[in-house]
Amino acid sequence: MQDDSAVGRQEAAGLMDRLDLLAGCTDGNGELTRLYLSSAHRAAIDTVAGWMRHAGLVTRIDGAATLIGRLDGTEAGARTLLIGSHLDTVRDAGRYDGSFGILAGLATLERLQARGIRLPFAVELLAFGDEEGVRFPVTLTGSRACAGTLDIEARLASQDADGATLRDALSRFGCDPATLAHAAFDRADIIAYLEPHIEQGPVLERDGLALGIVTAINAASRFVVTVQGEAGHAGTVPMDGRRDALATAAEMIVATRGAGMAWPDVTATVGRIQAWPGAANVIAGRVEFSLDLRAPTDALRDKACAALFHEWDAITAEHGVTHRVEPGFSASAAACDELWQARLERAAVACGVEPGRLPSGAGHDAMAMAALCPIAMLFVRCRGGISHNPAESIAAPDAELAVDVLVRLLEDLAADGVR
């Protein structure tokens, strides 16, 4: 007869194997790219839904293409605990961001069932889409729909780079956009939302810790910035008479990095830039670039934005060009519930793990779910702090520890009379 540690190692190997298999659901050529409502997203939903049903969960897909697997509890009228993360990825992604949380949640339920443990409350496992916000200029569509905070008509009108609206994309995917309003959970029915996730940063590894408990998720705002100058011949327009949109944008981007360095705990990133007309012998007449700015509080984020925008005003005036800043995605800082942090810590210690506590600089579906119910997040360290990259990596023993903690947490909740 195998001991619990041997069983746990086998379960961890199974979890890692599933993560590898799920990484095969991709639209990329030799890389993992799984965008919201793509054919790869459909393949991932079908794959995970099959695993859920095999584990005894009843599955459904809501109007925002969130896959939901439900395991009923033993007590009629008891509330529901939510566990989840996202199935979509960035382009050329790693295989653990998002997917780990879903499959770790599934492994937790499978282990409880293998031990013959039935919970008094229901558990629903959520596999969201659109956490990354890569395909459409919006994000958190799935989790905001579940939280009941989605601006439905505005969201459905958003367009991807090919001009397809979210409304049309959902319809082609087999979802009915008219049912989006029905995706919202009733807060009276929900106990809390838990999200296991890789850290996506170097803190846990640096501190020699396998797991971390998240204290809060940073506020984040994204913008699209357009700089309008005047195109001209690269050889005939004197340097002191140019209205060079690209040179101006370059100074604005340097100022952006300066803002991130000057404000404590602020990150400011330009991840995309495009210039028109895009010819080597033509002065750029128009440039568009992105801004992603994050901070631990809404107030700090807003102060940093205001200061940076003021500096941009001076730069564009000096160069004789104009610029426009269009807001896109914005999310307030989301504090993780203190009681649930304590519950996670108690479960970790009972499993022989000393977890760290840390904020999340990355955004997560938990940010949206905070409008619905208490939220908690359990981080697993990742090698080198690398994420959004094919080199993203976690260790099987750490994955096993995370499932250990989640199992103990659910057992504690049942013993504590949480319903």
Protein backbone atom coordinates (compact mmCIF):
# COMPACT_ATOMS: atom_id res chain seq x y z
CA MET A 1 0.00 0.00 0.00
CA GLN A 2 1.36 3.42 -0.95
CA ASP A 3 1.84 6.14 1.62
CA ASP A 4 0.28 9.60 1.22
CA SER A 5 3.54 11.15 0.04
CA ALA A 6 3.87 8.62 -2.77
CA VAL A 7 0.27 9.24 -3.79
CA GLY A 8 0.90 12.97 -3.70
CA ARG A 9 3.91 12.60 -5.98
CA GLN A 10 1.85 10.60 -8.44
CA GLU A 11 -0.89 13.23 -8.37
CA ALA A 12 1.66 15.99 -8.94
CA ALA A 13 3.05 14.11 -11.92
CA GLY A 14 -0.47 13.78 -13.28
CA LEU A 15 -1.05 17.50 -12.82
CA MET A 16 2.16 18.34 -14.66
CA ASP A 17 1.27 15.91 -17.45
CA ARG A 18 -2.10 17.58 -17.86
CA LEU A 19 -0.45 20.99 -18.03
CA ASP A 20 1.80 19.67 -20.80
CA LEU A 21 -1.17 18.23 -22.67
CA LEU A 22 -3.14 21.46 -22.34
CA ALA A 23 -0.20 23.38 -23.80
CA GLY A 24 -0.88 21.49 -27.02
CA CYS A 25 -4.10 23.46 -27.42
CA THR A 26 -2.55 26.31 -29.38
CA ASP A 27 -3.06 28.37 -32.51
CA GLY A 28 0.69 29.01 -32.66
CA ASN A 29 3.17 27.27 -34.93
CA GLY A 30 5.50 25.63 -32.45
CA GLU A 31 4.56 28.06 -29.69
CA LEU A 32 1.74 28.38 -27.17
CA THR A 33 -0.69 31.07 -28.25
CA ARG A 34 -4.28 30.58 -27.09
CA LEU A 35 -6.33 33.72 -27.56
CA TYR A 36 -9.84 34.26 -26.27
CA LEU A 37 -12.53 32.64 -28.45
CA SER A 38 -10.00 31.12 -30.83
CA SER A 39 -10.02 27.54 -32.07
CA ALA A 40 -7.31 26.78 -29.49
CA HIS A 41 -9.53 28.19 -26.75
CA ARG A 42 -12.29 25.86 -27.90
CA ALA A 43 -9.90 22.88 -27.86
CA ALA A 44 -8.76 23.81 -24.34
CA ILE A 45 -12.35 24.07 -23.09
CA ASP A 46 -13.19 20.70 -24.58
CA THR A 47 -10.10 19.11 -23.06
CA VAL A 48 -10.62 20.50 -19.57
CA ALA A 49 -14.36 19.83 -19.67
CA GLY A 50 -13.59 16.18 -20.38
CA TRP A 51 -11.30 15.99 -17.35
CA MET A 52 -13.94 17.70 -15.22
CA ARG A 53 -16.67 15.29 -16.25
CA HIS A 54 -14.39 12.31 -15.66
CA ALA A 55 -13.92 13.65 -12.11
CA GLY A 56 -17.68 13.75 -11.60
CA LEU A 57 -18.25 17.45 -12.16
CA VAL A 58 -21.25 18.70 -14.10
CA THR A 59 -20.10 21.17 -16.74
CA ARG A 60 -21.61 24.14 -18.52
CA ILE A 61 -20.37 27.13 -20.55
CA ASP A 62 -21.81 30.56 -19.85
CA GLY A 63 -22.43 33.48 -22.22
CA ALA A 64 -18.84 34.75 -21.89
CA ALA A 65 -17.36 31.32 -22.72
CA THR A 66 -16.37 30.55 -19.13
CA LEU A 67 -16.24 26.81 -18.54
CA ILE A 68 -17.80 25.92 -15.19
CA GLY A 69 -17.58 22.53 -13.51
CA ARG A 70 -19.80 21.94 -10.47
CA LEU A 71 -19.43 19.43 -7.66
CA ASP A 72 -22.47 19.49 -5.40
CA GLY A 73 -22.14 19.38 -1.64
CA THR A 74 -23.98 17.14 0.78
CA GLU A 75 -26.14 19.84 2.36
CA ALA A 76 -29.10 21.27 0.52
CA GLY A 77 -29.12 25.05 0.50
CA ALA A 78 -25.40 25.39 1.29
CA ARG A 79 -23.49 28.05 -0.57
CA THR A 80 -20.82 27.54 -3.25
CA LEU A 81 -17.05 27.95 -3.08
CA LEU A 82 -15.48 29.15 -6.34
CA ILE A 83 -12.00 28.11 -7.49
CA GLY A 84 -10.62 29.25 -10.82
CA SER A 85 -8.26 30.97 -13.19
CA HIS A 86 -8.00 31.49 -16.96
CA LEU A 87 -7.45 29.40 -20.07
CA ASP A 88 -6.36 32.14 -22.48
CA THR A 89 -2.68 33.06 -22.90
CA VAL A 90 -0.47 35.79 -24.27
CA ARG A 91 1.33 35.17 -27.57
CA ASP A 92 4.26 32.76 -27.31
CA ALA A 93 3.29 31.99 -23.73
CA GLY A 94 4.37 29.75 -20.92
CA ARG A 95 2.19 26.77 -20.03
CA TYR A 96 1.46 27.47 -16.35
CA ASP A 97 0.01 30.99 -16.19
CA GLY A 98 -3.74 30.54 -15.68
CA SER A 99 -3.87 26.85 -16.56
CA PHE A 100 -2.13 25.84 -13.34
CA GLY A 101 -4.89 27.35 -11.19
CA ILE A 102 -7.66 25.50 -13.00
CA LEU A 103 -5.93 22.15 -13.00
CA ALA A 104 -4.68 22.50 -9.43
CA GLY A 105 -8.29 23.13 -8.41
CA LEU A 106 -9.37 20.03 -10.32
CA ALA A 107 -6.60 17.95 -8.71
CA THR A 108 -7.80 19.15 -5.30
CA LEU A 109 -11.35 17.94 -5.92
CA GLU A 110 -10.11 14.66 -7.35
CA ARG A 111 -7.98 14.00 -4.29
CA LEU A 112 -10.88 14.68 -1.93
CA GLN A 113 -13.08 12.29 -3.88
CA ALA A 114 -10.36 9.64 -3.97
CA ARG A 115 -10.29 9.80 -0.18
CA GLY A 116 -14.07 9.51 0.00
CA ILE A 117 -14.41 13.02 1.40
CA ARG A 118 -17.57 14.90 0.47
CA LEU A 119 -17.89 18.55 1.33
CA PRO A 120 -21.05 20.04 2.80
CA PHE A 121 -20.89 22.97 0.39
CA ALA A 122 -20.74 22.96 -3.41
CA VAL A 123 -17.58 23.80 -5.33
CA GLU A 124 -17.56 25.31 -8.80
CA LEU A 125 -14.36 25.28 -10.82
CA LEU A 126 -14.14 28.23 -13.22
CA ALA A 127 -12.02 28.36 -16.39
CA PHE A 128 -12.28 31.96 -17.54
CA GLY A 129 -11.38 33.50 -20.89
CA ASP A 130 -10.00 36.95 -21.72
CA GLU A 131 -7.88 37.45 -18.60
CA GLU A 132 -4.91 38.46 -20.74
CA GLY A 133 -6.73 41.03 -22.90
CA VAL A 134 -4.62 40.17 -25.97
CA ARG A 135 -7.24 39.74 -28.67
CA PHE A 136 -9.63 42.55 -27.74
CA PRO A 137 -8.75 45.96 -26.23
CA VAL A 138 -10.49 44.90 -23.02
CA THR A 139 -9.85 42.22 -20.46
CA LEU A 140 -11.43 40.11 -17.69
CA THR A 141 -14.57 39.55 -19.76
CA GLY A 142 -15.26 36.14 -18.23
CA SER A 143 -14.65 37.05 -14.59
CA ARG A 144 -16.42 40.40 -14.82
CA ALA A 145 -19.45 38.67 -16.30
CA CYS A 146 -19.48 36.25 -13.36
CA ALA A 147 -19.05 39.13 -10.91
CA GLY A 148 -21.92 41.06 -12.51
CA THR A 149 -19.83 44.15 -13.29
CA LEU A 150 -19.58 43.87 -17.07
CA ASP A 151 -20.68 46.84 -19.19
CA ILE A 152 -22.28 44.44 -21.59
CA GLU A 153 -23.14 46.59 -24.61
CA ALA A 154 -19.82 48.44 -24.62
CA ARG A 155 -17.94 45.18 -24.20
CA LEU A 156 -19.83 43.44 -27.01
CA ALA A 157 -19.03 46.33 -29.38
CA SER A 158 -15.25 46.10 -28.82
CA GLN A 159 -13.28 44.96 -31.87
CA ASP A 160 -10.18 42.88 -32.42
CA ALA A 161 -7.41 43.78 -34.87
CA ASP A 162 -9.36 42.22 -37.73
CA GLY A 163 -12.47 44.27 -36.99
CA ALA A 164 -14.47 41.41 -35.50
CA THR A 165 -16.67 42.48 -32.61
CA LEU A 166 -16.80 40.53 -29.38
CA ARG A 167 -20.51 39.99 -30.06
CA ASP A 168 -19.74 38.26 -33.36
CA ALA A 169 -16.83 36.30 -31.91
CA LEU A 170 -18.98 34.95 -29.09
CA SER A 171 -21.71 33.95 -31.54
CA ARG A 172 -19.22 32.14 -33.78
CA PHE A 173 -17.85 30.38 -30.68
CA GLY A 174 -21.30 29.03 -29.92
CA CYS A 175 -22.21 31.40 -27.09
CA ASP A 176 -25.30 33.56 -27.00
CA PRO A 177 -24.33 37.19 -26.24
CA ALA A 178 -27.90 37.81 -25.09
CA THR A 179 -27.25 35.56 -22.09
CA LEU A 180 -24.26 37.53 -20.77
CA ALA A 181 -26.35 39.18 -18.06
CA HIS A 182 -27.30 35.73 -16.76
CA ALA A 183 -23.65 34.80 -16.17
CA ALA A 184 -23.54 36.83 -12.94
CA PHE A 185 -23.53 34.86 -9.71
CA ASP A 186 -25.80 35.79 -6.83
CA ARG A 187 -23.46 36.99 -4.09
CA ALA A 188 -25.74 35.50 -1.43
CA ASP A 189 -24.92 32.05 -2.84
CA ILE A 190 -21.13 32.43 -2.87
CA ILE A 191 -18.70 31.67 -0.04
CA ALA A 192 -15.50 33.04 -1.62
CA TYR A 193 -13.29 32.88 -4.71
CA LEU A 194 -9.88 31.15 -4.53
CA GLU A 195 -7.28 31.42 -7.27
CA PRO A 196 -4.14 29.28 -7.23
CA HIS A 197 -1.53 30.81 -9.56
CA ILE A 198 2.14 30.91 -10.34
CA GLU A 199 3.81 33.99 -8.89
CA GLN A 200 5.09 35.37 -12.23
CA GLY A 201 7.85 37.12 -10.32
CA PRO A 202 11.09 36.36 -8.45
CA VAL A 203 10.16 37.07 -4.82
CA LEU A 204 9.30 33.57 -3.58
CA GLU A 205 12.31 31.98 -5.23
CA ARG A 206 14.58 34.72 -3.92
CA ASP A 207 13.25 34.13 -0.39
CA GLY A 208 13.49 30.34 -0.64
CA LEU A 209 9.73 29.86 -0.34
CA ALA A 210 7.63 27.38 -2.31
CA LEU A 211 4.29 29.13 -1.71
CA GLY A 212 3.01 32.61 -1.03
CA ILE A 213 -0.26 34.10 0.13
CA VAL A 214 -1.31 37.18 -1.80
CA THR A 215 -2.20 40.27 0.21
CA ALA A 216 -3.52 42.45 -2.64
CA ILE A 217 -3.52 42.79 -6.42
CA ASN A 218 -2.10 46.03 -7.79
CA ALA A 219 -4.22 48.65 -9.51
CA ALA A 220 -3.59 48.73 -13.25
CA SER A 221 -4.45 50.99 -16.16
CA ARG A 222 -3.74 50.64 -19.85
CA PHE A 223 -3.78 53.38 -22.47
CA VAL A 224 -3.29 53.77 -26.21
CA VAL A 225 -1.22 56.86 -27.03
CA THR A 226 -1.25 58.46 -30.49
CA VAL A 227 1.42 61.01 -31.42
CA GLN A 228 0.56 63.10 -34.48
CA GLY A 229 3.34 64.91 -36.33
CA GLU A 230 3.99 65.45 -40.03
CA ALA A 231 5.48 62.99 -42.50
CA GLY A 232 8.24 64.29 -44.74
CA HIS A 233 11.26 63.39 -46.83
CA ALA A 234 14.12 62.03 -44.74
CA GLY A 235 16.73 63.78 -46.87
CA THR A 236 15.20 67.20 -47.51
CA VAL A 237 13.45 68.35 -44.32
CA PRO A 238 15.98 70.09 -42.01
CA MET A 239 16.37 68.55 -38.58
CA ASP A 240 15.31 71.73 -36.78
CA GLY A 241 12.12 72.01 -38.83
CA ARG A 242 10.75 68.52 -38.35
CA ARG A 243 7.59 67.43 -36.56
CA ASP A 244 8.86 63.90 -36.04
CA ALA A 245 6.27 61.75 -34.31
CA LEU A 246 8.66 58.86 -33.75
CA ALA A 247 11.45 60.93 -32.18
CA THR A 248 8.85 62.52 -29.92
CA ALA A 249 7.40 59.15 -28.97
CA ALA A 250 10.90 57.93 -28.14
CA GLU A 251 11.33 60.74 -25.60
CA MET A 252 7.88 60.02 -24.17
CA ILE A 253 8.84 56.37 -23.73
CA VAL A 254 12.07 57.29 -21.96
CA ALA A 255 10.00 59.51 -19.66
CA THR A 256 7.69 56.55 -19.04
CA ARG A 257 10.57 54.44 -17.82
CA GLY A 258 11.68 57.35 -15.65
CA ALA A 259 8.27 57.50 -14.01
CA GLY A 260 8.42 53.82 -13.18
CA MET A 261 11.86 54.29 -11.61
CA ALA A 262 10.95 57.45 -9.69
CA TRP A 263 7.70 56.36 -8.04
CA PRO A 264 8.11 53.62 -5.40
CA ASP A 265 6.32 50.36 -6.27
CA VAL A 266 5.09 51.75 -9.61
CA THR A 267 5.69 49.92 -12.88
CA ALA A 268 5.30 51.70 -16.22
CA THR A 269 5.65 49.73 -19.44
CA VAL A 270 5.45 50.43 -23.15
CA GLY A 271 5.03 47.03 -24.78
CA ARG A 272 3.87 47.95 -28.27
CA ILE A 273 4.75 50.70 -30.77
CA GLN A 274 3.90 51.29 -34.42
CA ALA A 275 4.92 54.11 -36.76
CA TRP A 276 3.38 55.37 -40.01
CA PRO A 277 4.00 55.44 -42.91
CA GLY A 278 6.74 53.03 -41.82
CA ALA A 279 9.34 53.67 -44.53
CA ALA A 280 13.07 54.06 -43.91
CA ASN A 281 13.31 57.28 -45.95
CA VAL A 282 10.19 59.00 -44.54
CA ILE A 283 9.90 60.97 -41.29
CA ALA A 284 7.23 59.31 -39.20
CA GLY A 285 4.03 61.33 -39.27
CA ARG A 286 2.11 59.26 -36.71
CA VAL A 287 3.02 56.87 -33.95
CA GLU A 288 0.88 54.75 -31.69
CA PHE A 289 2.14 53.07 -28.54
CA SER A 290 0.74 51.39 -25.45
CA LEU A 291 1.14 52.27 -21.78
CA ASP A 292 0.61 49.86 -18.90
CA LEU A 293 0.90 51.50 -15.48
CA ARG A 294 0.45 49.69 -12.15
CA ALA A 295 0.71 50.54 -8.47
CA PRO A 296 -0.32 49.04 -5.12
CA THR A 297 -3.11 51.59 -4.63
CA ASP A 298 -5.49 53.46 -6.90
CA ALA A 299 -4.27 56.79 -5.53
CA LEU A 300 -0.61 56.07 -6.31
CA ARG A 301 -1.45 54.85 -9.80
CA ASP A 302 -3.47 57.98 -10.51
CA LYS A 303 -0.74 60.30 -9.18
CA ALA A 304 1.90 58.60 -11.29
CA CYS A 305 -0.31 58.81 -14.38
CA ALA A 306 -0.99 62.50 -13.85
CA ALA A 307 2.70 63.29 -13.41
CA LEU A 308 3.69 61.31 -16.50
CA PHE A 309 0.96 62.88 -18.64
CA HIS A 310 2.12 66.34 -17.57
CA GLU A 311 5.66 65.47 -18.68
CA TRP A 312 4.35 64.19 -22.00
CA ASP A 313 2.56 67.52 -22.57
CA ALA A 314 5.87 69.34 -22.29
CA ILE A 315 7.66 66.91 -24.62
CA THR A 316 5.10 67.12 -27.41
CA ALA A 317 4.88 70.91 -27.14
CA GLU A 318 8.65 71.14 -27.53
CA HIS A 319 8.55 69.07 -30.71
CA GLY A 320 5.55 70.85 -32.21
CA VAL A 321 3.40 67.72 -32.37
CA THR A 322 0.17 66.70 -30.69
CA HIS A 323 -0.78 63.58 -28.80
CA ARG A 324 -3.92 61.84 -27.63
CA VAL A 325 -4.24 59.40 -24.74
CA GLU A 326 -7.14 56.96 -24.93
CA PRO A 327 -7.93 54.92 -21.82
CA GLY A 328 -8.44 51.19 -22.21
CA PHE A 329 -8.48 48.57 -19.49
CA SER A 330 -8.52 49.85 -15.93
CA ALA A 331 -8.77 47.89 -12.69
CA SER A 332 -8.75 49.09 -9.12
CA ALA A 333 -6.44 47.54 -6.57
CA ALA A 334 -8.08 44.51 -4.99
CA ALA A 335 -7.30 43.54 -1.42
CA CYS A 336 -7.38 39.85 -0.57
CA ASP A 337 -9.65 39.04 2.34
CA GLU A 338 -7.71 38.92 5.64
CA LEU A 339 -9.74 36.03 7.04
CA TRP A 340 -9.07 33.96 3.95
CA GLN A 341 -5.38 34.86 4.04
CA ALA A 342 -5.32 33.51 7.60
CA ARG A 343 -7.19 30.36 6.54
CA LEU A 344 -4.69 29.72 3.76
CA GLU A 345 -1.79 30.27 6.13
CA ARG A 346 -3.26 27.87 8.69
CA ALA A 347 -3.71 25.22 6.00
CA ALA A 348 -0.15 25.73 4.75
CA VAL A 349 1.37 25.45 8.21
CA ALA A 350 -0.65 22.28 8.82
CA CYS A 351 0.97 20.89 5.68
CA GLY A 352 4.44 21.79 6.96
CA VAL A 353 4.84 24.82 4.71
CA GLU A 354 5.86 28.31 5.83
CA PRO A 355 4.31 30.57 3.18
CA GLY A 356 5.34 34.11 2.40
CA ARG A 357 2.97 37.04 2.07
CA LEU A 358 3.27 39.35 -0.90
CA PRO A 359 1.26 41.60 -3.22
CA SER A 360 0.69 40.72 -6.85
CA GLY A 361 2.00 43.11 -9.45
CA ALA A 362 0.23 41.10 -12.14
CA GLY A 363 -3.51 41.33 -12.65
CA HIS A 364 -5.74 38.31 -12.16
CA ASP A 365 -9.38 37.29 -12.48
CA ALA A 366 -9.56 37.65 -8.70
CA MET A 367 -9.52 41.43 -9.26
CA ALA A 368 -12.92 41.21 -10.93
CA MET A 369 -14.28 38.60 -8.52
CA ALA A 370 -13.56 40.90 -5.57
CA ALA A 371 -16.71 42.80 -6.51
CA LEU A 372 -18.70 39.63 -5.85
CA CYS A 373 -17.21 37.98 -2.79
CA PRO A 374 -14.10 37.61 -0.60
CA ILE A 375 -11.05 36.63 -2.65
CA ALA A 376 -7.85 34.77 -1.82
CA MET A 377 -4.85 33.75 -3.91
CA LEU A 378 -2.16 31.14 -3.39
CA PHE A 379 1.07 31.69 -5.30
CA VAL A 380 3.52 28.99 -6.39
CA ARG A 381 7.10 30.07 -7.07
CA CYS A 382 8.32 29.98 -10.65
CA ARG A 383 11.90 29.52 -11.78
CA GLY A 384 13.72 32.79 -12.27
CA GLY A 385 10.46 34.69 -11.85
CA ILE A 386 9.93 34.24 -15.60
CA SER A 387 6.40 34.38 -16.99
CA HIS A 388 4.63 35.26 -20.24
CA ASN A 389 7.53 33.40 -21.81
CA PRO A 390 8.06 29.81 -23.04
CA ALA A 391 10.74 29.46 -20.34
CA GLU A 392 8.06 29.76 -17.63
CA SER A 393 8.59 26.84 -15.24
CA ILE A 394 7.38 25.47 -11.91
CA ALA A 395 8.55 22.40 -9.98
CA ALA A 396 6.31 19.36 -9.50
CA PRO A 397 6.97 19.25 -5.71
CA ASP A 398 5.77 22.86 -5.42
CA ALA A 399 2.65 22.01 -7.41
CA GLU A 400 2.08 19.08 -5.06
CA LEU A 401 2.42 21.37 -2.02
CA ALA A 402 -0.14 23.77 -3.46
CA VAL A 403 -2.68 20.98 -3.89
CA ASP A 404 -1.88 19.75 -0.36
CA VAL A 405 -2.72 23.19 1.00
CA LEU A 406 -5.93 23.51 -1.01
CA VAL A 407 -7.11 20.08 0.13
CA ARG A 408 -6.39 20.97 3.75
CA LEU A 409 -8.13 24.33 3.34
CA LEU A 410 -11.32 22.71 2.05
CA GLU A 411 -11.23 20.11 4.83
CA ASP A 412 -10.79 22.90 7.41
CA LEU A 413 -13.70 24.86 5.95
CA ALA A 414 -15.96 21.84 6.29
CA ALA A 415 -14.77 21.20 9.86
CA ASP A 416 -15.26 24.86 10.77
CA GLY A 417 -18.89 24.76 9.68
CA VAL A 418 -18.53 26.98 6.64
CA ARG A 419 -21.65 26.55 4.52
